[in-house]
Amino acid sequence: MREILAGKGREAITALVAKDKALEPEANAIAAVDKLVRYHRDLFKLLNNFVSFRDFYRRKDKAMFQVGTLYLDQRS
C-alpha cells in the first residue's frame, strides 16, 4: 500500500475507477437485457408450474426437486 500511495499507483487506480464509472450505464443496460432474456425464457414455465404444477404431474421430465442431490447433516 505504501508503494502504491508513494508512486503513481494511486493516480492509475483512480483513473481506472473513473473509467469503470463512465461505463456504468452500459453495464446496467447489459444487466437489464440479460434479466429480460431470462424472464422471456423462464417466466412461462414458472407460471405454468406455479398455477397447475404441470411438469410435476406430467412425469415427462424430472421435477425440480429430483434434479439435484439433497444434502442433510452431511449425508446425501
N, C-alpha and C. Protein backbone atom coordinates (compact mmCIF):
# COMPACT_ATOMS: atom_id res chain seq x y z
N MET A 1 0.81 -1.18 0.00
CA MET A 1 0.00 0.00 0.00
C MET A 1 0.86 1.25 0.00
N ARG A 2 1.95 1.21 0.76
CA ARG A 2 2.81 2.40 0.81
C ARG A 2 3.43 2.68 -0.55
N GLU A 3 3.81 1.61 -1.28
CA GLU A 3 4.39 1.79 -2.60
C GLU A 3 3.37 2.37 -3.57
N ILE A 4 2.15 1.91 -3.47
CA ILE A 4 1.10 2.43 -4.35
C ILE A 4 0.85 3.90 -4.05
N LEU A 5 0.75 4.24 -2.76
CA LEU A 5 0.48 5.62 -2.38
C LEU A 5 1.67 6.54 -2.67
N ALA A 6 2.89 6.00 -2.57
CA ALA A 6 4.08 6.81 -2.81
C ALA A 6 4.30 7.05 -4.30
N GLY A 7 3.98 6.09 -5.13
CA GLY A 7 4.22 6.22 -6.57
C GLY A 7 2.99 6.74 -7.29
N LYS A 8 2.93 6.39 -8.58
CA LYS A 8 1.82 6.83 -9.42
C LYS A 8 0.68 5.82 -9.42
N GLY A 9 0.74 4.87 -8.54
CA GLY A 9 -0.30 3.84 -8.46
C GLY A 9 -1.66 4.41 -8.10
N ARG A 10 -1.64 5.39 -7.21
CA ARG A 10 -2.91 5.98 -6.78
C ARG A 10 -3.63 6.64 -7.95
N GLU A 11 -2.89 7.38 -8.76
CA GLU A 11 -3.49 8.04 -9.93
C GLU A 11 -4.00 7.00 -10.93
N ALA A 12 -3.24 5.93 -11.10
CA ALA A 12 -3.66 4.88 -12.04
C ALA A 12 -4.94 4.21 -11.56
N ILE A 13 -5.02 3.92 -10.27
CA ILE A 13 -6.22 3.29 -9.72
C ILE A 13 -7.41 4.24 -9.82
N THR A 14 -7.19 5.51 -9.52
CA THR A 14 -8.26 6.50 -9.63
C THR A 14 -8.76 6.62 -11.07
N ALA A 15 -7.84 6.57 -12.02
CA ALA A 15 -8.22 6.64 -13.44
C ALA A 15 -9.03 5.41 -13.84
N LEU A 16 -8.63 4.23 -13.36
CA LEU A 16 -9.36 3.01 -13.68
C LEU A 16 -10.77 3.04 -13.08
N VAL A 17 -10.88 3.53 -11.86
CA VAL A 17 -12.20 3.64 -11.22
C VAL A 17 -13.08 4.62 -12.00
N ALA A 18 -12.52 5.72 -12.44
CA ALA A 18 -13.28 6.70 -13.23
C ALA A 18 -13.73 6.10 -14.55
N LYS A 19 -12.86 5.31 -15.16
CA LYS A 19 -13.19 4.65 -16.42
C LYS A 19 -14.35 3.66 -16.23
N ASP A 20 -14.28 2.90 -15.13
CA ASP A 20 -15.37 1.96 -14.83
C ASP A 20 -16.67 2.71 -14.55
N LYS A 21 -16.58 3.81 -13.83
CA LYS A 21 -17.76 4.60 -13.50
C LYS A 21 -18.40 5.16 -14.77
N ALA A 22 -17.58 5.52 -15.76
CA ALA A 22 -18.11 6.05 -17.01
C ALA A 22 -18.87 4.99 -17.79
N LEU A 23 -18.52 3.72 -17.62
CA LEU A 23 -19.19 2.63 -18.32
C LEU A 23 -20.36 2.03 -17.54
N GLU A 24 -20.70 2.64 -16.41
CA GLU A 24 -21.78 2.11 -15.58
C GLU A 24 -23.12 2.02 -16.31
N PRO A 25 -23.55 3.04 -17.08
CA PRO A 25 -24.83 2.91 -17.79
C PRO A 25 -24.84 1.74 -18.78
N GLU A 26 -23.73 1.52 -19.45
CA GLU A 26 -23.65 0.40 -20.39
C GLU A 26 -23.74 -0.93 -19.66
N ALA A 27 -23.06 -1.05 -18.53
CA ALA A 27 -23.12 -2.29 -17.75
C ALA A 27 -24.53 -2.51 -17.21
N ASN A 28 -25.20 -1.46 -16.78
CA ASN A 28 -26.58 -1.59 -16.31
C ASN A 28 -27.51 -2.02 -17.43
N ALA A 29 -27.29 -1.49 -18.64
CA ALA A 29 -28.12 -1.88 -19.79
C ALA A 29 -27.91 -3.35 -20.14
N ILE A 30 -26.68 -3.81 -20.08
CA ILE A 30 -26.39 -5.22 -20.35
C ILE A 30 -27.06 -6.10 -19.32
N ALA A 31 -27.01 -5.71 -18.05
CA ALA A 31 -27.67 -6.47 -16.99
C ALA A 31 -29.18 -6.51 -17.20
N ALA A 32 -29.76 -5.39 -17.63
CA ALA A 32 -31.20 -5.35 -17.86
C ALA A 32 -31.61 -6.25 -19.02
N VAL A 33 -30.82 -6.27 -20.08
CA VAL A 33 -31.11 -7.15 -21.22
C VAL A 33 -30.98 -8.62 -20.79
N ASP A 34 -29.98 -8.92 -20.00
CA ASP A 34 -29.81 -10.28 -19.51
C ASP A 34 -31.01 -10.72 -18.68
N LYS A 35 -31.48 -9.82 -17.83
CA LYS A 35 -32.65 -10.11 -16.99
C LYS A 35 -33.90 -10.33 -17.86
N LEU A 36 -34.08 -9.50 -18.87
CA LEU A 36 -35.22 -9.64 -19.77
C LEU A 36 -35.17 -10.96 -20.52
N VAL A 37 -34.01 -11.35 -20.99
CA VAL A 37 -33.87 -12.62 -21.71
C VAL A 37 -34.21 -13.80 -20.80
N ARG A 38 -33.76 -13.75 -19.56
CA ARG A 38 -34.09 -14.83 -18.62
C ARG A 38 -35.58 -14.87 -18.29
N TYR A 39 -36.20 -13.68 -18.14
CA TYR A 39 -37.66 -13.66 -17.93
C TYR A 39 -38.36 -14.29 -19.13
N HIS A 40 -37.97 -13.92 -20.32
CA HIS A 40 -38.60 -14.45 -21.52
C HIS A 40 -38.45 -15.96 -21.59
N ARG A 41 -37.28 -16.46 -21.21
CA ARG A 41 -37.01 -17.90 -21.27
C ARG A 41 -37.78 -18.67 -20.20
N ASP A 42 -37.87 -18.14 -18.98
CA ASP A 42 -38.34 -18.94 -17.86
C ASP A 42 -39.70 -18.59 -17.31
N LEU A 43 -40.26 -17.44 -17.64
CA LEU A 43 -41.48 -17.00 -16.99
C LEU A 43 -42.67 -17.90 -17.31
N PHE A 44 -42.81 -18.33 -18.55
CA PHE A 44 -43.93 -19.19 -18.92
C PHE A 44 -43.88 -20.50 -18.15
N LYS A 45 -42.72 -21.11 -18.10
CA LYS A 45 -42.58 -22.37 -17.36
C LYS A 45 -42.85 -22.17 -15.87
N LEU A 46 -42.34 -21.10 -15.31
CA LEU A 46 -42.57 -20.82 -13.90
C LEU A 46 -44.05 -20.63 -13.60
N LEU A 47 -44.75 -19.84 -14.42
CA LEU A 47 -46.16 -19.60 -14.17
C LEU A 47 -46.99 -20.86 -14.37
N ASN A 48 -46.66 -21.64 -15.36
CA ASN A 48 -47.37 -22.90 -15.58
C ASN A 48 -47.24 -23.82 -14.37
N ASN A 49 -46.07 -23.90 -13.82
CA ASN A 49 -45.85 -24.79 -12.69
C ASN A 49 -46.32 -24.18 -11.38
N PHE A 50 -46.37 -22.87 -11.30
CA PHE A 50 -46.85 -22.21 -10.10
C PHE A 50 -48.35 -22.40 -9.95
N VAL A 51 -49.07 -22.36 -11.07
CA VAL A 51 -50.53 -22.45 -11.04
C VAL A 51 -51.01 -23.89 -11.04
N SER A 52 -50.51 -24.71 -11.97
CA SER A 52 -51.10 -26.04 -12.15
C SER A 52 -50.13 -27.20 -11.91
N PHE A 53 -48.88 -26.92 -11.57
CA PHE A 53 -47.87 -27.98 -11.36
C PHE A 53 -47.81 -28.94 -12.55
N ARG A 54 -47.89 -28.41 -13.75
CA ARG A 54 -47.95 -29.23 -14.97
C ARG A 54 -46.75 -30.16 -15.08
N ASP A 55 -45.55 -29.65 -14.89
CA ASP A 55 -44.37 -30.50 -15.02
C ASP A 55 -44.29 -31.53 -13.91
N PHE A 56 -44.84 -31.22 -12.77
CA PHE A 56 -44.82 -32.15 -11.64
C PHE A 56 -45.70 -33.37 -11.92
N TYR A 57 -46.89 -33.15 -12.46
CA TYR A 57 -47.82 -34.25 -12.69
C TYR A 57 -47.63 -34.94 -14.03
N ARG A 58 -46.97 -34.31 -14.97
CA ARG A 58 -46.81 -34.88 -16.30
C ARG A 58 -45.81 -36.03 -16.32
N ARG A 59 -44.82 -35.98 -15.48
CA ARG A 59 -43.78 -37.01 -15.35
C ARG A 59 -42.96 -37.21 -16.62
N LYS A 60 -42.97 -36.26 -17.52
CA LYS A 60 -42.12 -36.34 -18.71
C LYS A 60 -40.67 -36.11 -18.31
N ASP A 61 -40.43 -35.09 -17.53
CA ASP A 61 -39.10 -34.78 -17.03
C ASP A 61 -39.11 -34.94 -15.53
N LYS A 62 -37.92 -34.93 -14.95
CA LYS A 62 -37.84 -34.97 -13.50
C LYS A 62 -38.32 -33.65 -12.93
N ALA A 63 -38.93 -33.72 -11.78
CA ALA A 63 -39.34 -32.50 -11.10
C ALA A 63 -38.11 -31.77 -10.60
N MET A 64 -38.26 -30.50 -10.31
CA MET A 64 -37.12 -29.68 -9.91
C MET A 64 -36.42 -30.25 -8.68
N PHE A 65 -37.18 -30.78 -7.74
CA PHE A 65 -36.55 -31.30 -6.53
C PHE A 65 -35.87 -32.65 -6.77
N GLN A 66 -36.10 -33.28 -7.93
CA GLN A 66 -35.46 -34.55 -8.24
C GLN A 66 -34.18 -34.37 -9.06
N VAL A 67 -33.90 -33.20 -9.51
CA VAL A 67 -32.77 -32.96 -10.41
C VAL A 67 -31.43 -33.08 -9.69
N GLY A 68 -31.32 -32.48 -8.53
CA GLY A 68 -30.04 -32.43 -7.84
C GLY A 68 -29.94 -33.47 -6.72
N THR A 69 -29.00 -33.25 -5.85
CA THR A 69 -28.79 -34.11 -4.70
C THR A 69 -29.08 -33.31 -3.44
N LEU A 70 -29.87 -33.88 -2.57
CA LEU A 70 -30.22 -33.22 -1.31
C LEU A 70 -29.20 -33.63 -0.25
N TYR A 71 -28.64 -32.65 0.42
CA TYR A 71 -27.68 -32.90 1.49
C TYR A 71 -28.27 -32.45 2.81
N LEU A 72 -28.35 -33.37 3.75
CA LEU A 72 -28.80 -33.07 5.11
C LEU A 72 -27.84 -33.71 6.09
N ASP A 73 -27.38 -32.96 7.06
CA ASP A 73 -26.46 -33.49 8.07
C ASP A 73 -25.27 -34.19 7.45
N GLN A 74 -24.69 -33.61 6.41
CA GLN A 74 -23.51 -34.12 5.71
C GLN A 74 -23.74 -35.47 5.06
N ARG A 75 -25.00 -35.78 4.80
CA ARG A 75 -25.34 -37.02 4.07
C ARG A 75 -26.13 -36.62 2.83
N SER A 76 -26.00 -37.44 1.78
CA SER A 76 -26.77 -37.16 0.57
C SER A 76 -27.90 -38.16 0.44
